[in-house]
Protein backbone atom coordinates (compact mmCIF):
# COMPACT_ATOMS: atom_id res chain seq x y z
CA MET A 1 24.40 -62.42 52.24
CA ARG A 2 28.04 -63.95 51.37
CA LEU A 3 31.14 -63.05 52.75
CA HIS A 4 32.38 -62.06 49.38
CA ASP A 5 29.45 -59.30 48.65
CA LEU A 6 30.02 -57.47 51.92
CA ARG A 7 33.69 -57.25 51.35
CA HIS A 8 32.31 -55.63 47.90
CA GLY A 9 30.11 -54.10 50.09
CA ALA A 10 32.51 -52.29 51.98
CA ALA A 11 34.28 -50.22 49.25
CA THR A 12 31.56 -48.18 47.88
CA PRO A 13 31.30 -46.25 51.35
CA ALA A 14 35.24 -46.26 51.71
CA LEU A 15 35.62 -44.25 48.61
CA ALA A 16 32.87 -42.25 49.59
CA ALA A 17 34.49 -41.55 52.88
CA GLY A 18 37.52 -40.09 50.96
CA ALA A 19 39.83 -43.06 50.58
CA ASP A 20 42.39 -43.32 48.15
CA LEU A 21 41.36 -45.76 45.31
CA ARG A 22 44.64 -47.55 45.81
CA VAL A 23 43.97 -48.48 49.40
CA VAL A 24 40.70 -50.13 48.31
CA GLN A 25 42.13 -51.66 45.31
CA GLY A 26 44.96 -53.07 48.04
CA LEU A 27 41.83 -53.67 50.11
CA LEU A 28 39.56 -55.58 47.34
CA GLY A 29 42.86 -57.62 46.17
CA HIS A 30 42.48 -56.17 42.75
CA VAL A 31 45.38 -56.52 40.59
CA SER A 32 44.32 -53.42 38.39
CA ILE A 33 43.55 -49.86 40.20
CA VAL A 34 41.18 -49.81 36.46
CA LEU A 35 38.80 -52.24 37.65
CA THR A 36 38.35 -50.80 41.50
CA ALA A 37 37.78 -47.37 39.77
CA ASP A 38 35.49 -48.79 36.97
CA THR A 39 33.53 -51.34 39.66
CA TYR A 40 32.74 -48.43 42.10
CA THR A 41 33.49 -44.50 41.33
CA SER A 42 30.73 -44.99 38.62
CA VAL A 43 27.84 -45.47 41.63
CA LEU A 44 29.09 -42.36 43.47
CA PRO A 45 28.61 -39.48 41.47
CA GLN A 46 29.13 -36.97 44.74
CA LEU A 47 32.69 -37.87 43.79
CA TYR A 48 32.71 -35.99 40.80
CA HIS A 49 30.44 -33.16 41.77
CA GLU A 50 33.41 -32.67 44.98
CA SER A 51 36.57 -32.88 42.50
CA ALA A 52 34.74 -30.43 40.56
CA ARG A 53 34.08 -28.11 43.50
CA ALA A 54 38.02 -29.07 44.77
CA ILE A 55 39.46 -28.17 40.93
CA ALA A 56 37.17 -24.98 40.88
CA ARG A 57 38.22 -23.58 44.39
CA LEU A 58 42.21 -24.33 43.34
CA VAL A 59 41.10 -22.08 40.03
CA LEU A 60 39.62 -19.52 41.99
CA LYS A 61 42.22 -19.48 44.65
CA ALA A 62 44.91 -19.06 42.01
CA ALA A 63 43.15 -16.50 39.90
CA ARG A 64 42.77 -14.15 43.08
CA LYS A 65 46.36 -14.58 43.51
CA THR A 66 46.74 -13.19 40.17
CA THR A 67 44.85 -10.64 40.47
CA ARG A 68 46.56 -9.45 43.33
CA LYS A 69 49.80 -9.99 42.21
CA VAL A 70 48.94 -7.74 39.01
CA HIS A 71 46.87 -5.15 41.02
CA ASN A 72 50.20 -4.85 43.51
CA ALA A 73 52.64 -4.53 40.18
CA ARG A 74 50.27 -1.66 38.82
CA ARG A 75 50.36 0.22 41.82
CA ASP A 76 54.05 -0.31 42.59
CA THR A 77 54.79 1.24 39.02
């Protein structure tokens, strides 16, 4: 195994652990974040699932908040 392979082998676990893509880009010395994203995030489907779950939580939280506001407004009138 080459040193270069180890350097790149660290990117995938770092992203899986939640490291910011820009941080990984800097660690690897990539000029473009697109290269880092295209190369390493495609091998981590769980990142897509985690992002989808996080977005769903935000949407549901906003929906519950809106429902409470509507309910309170109806009660106050």
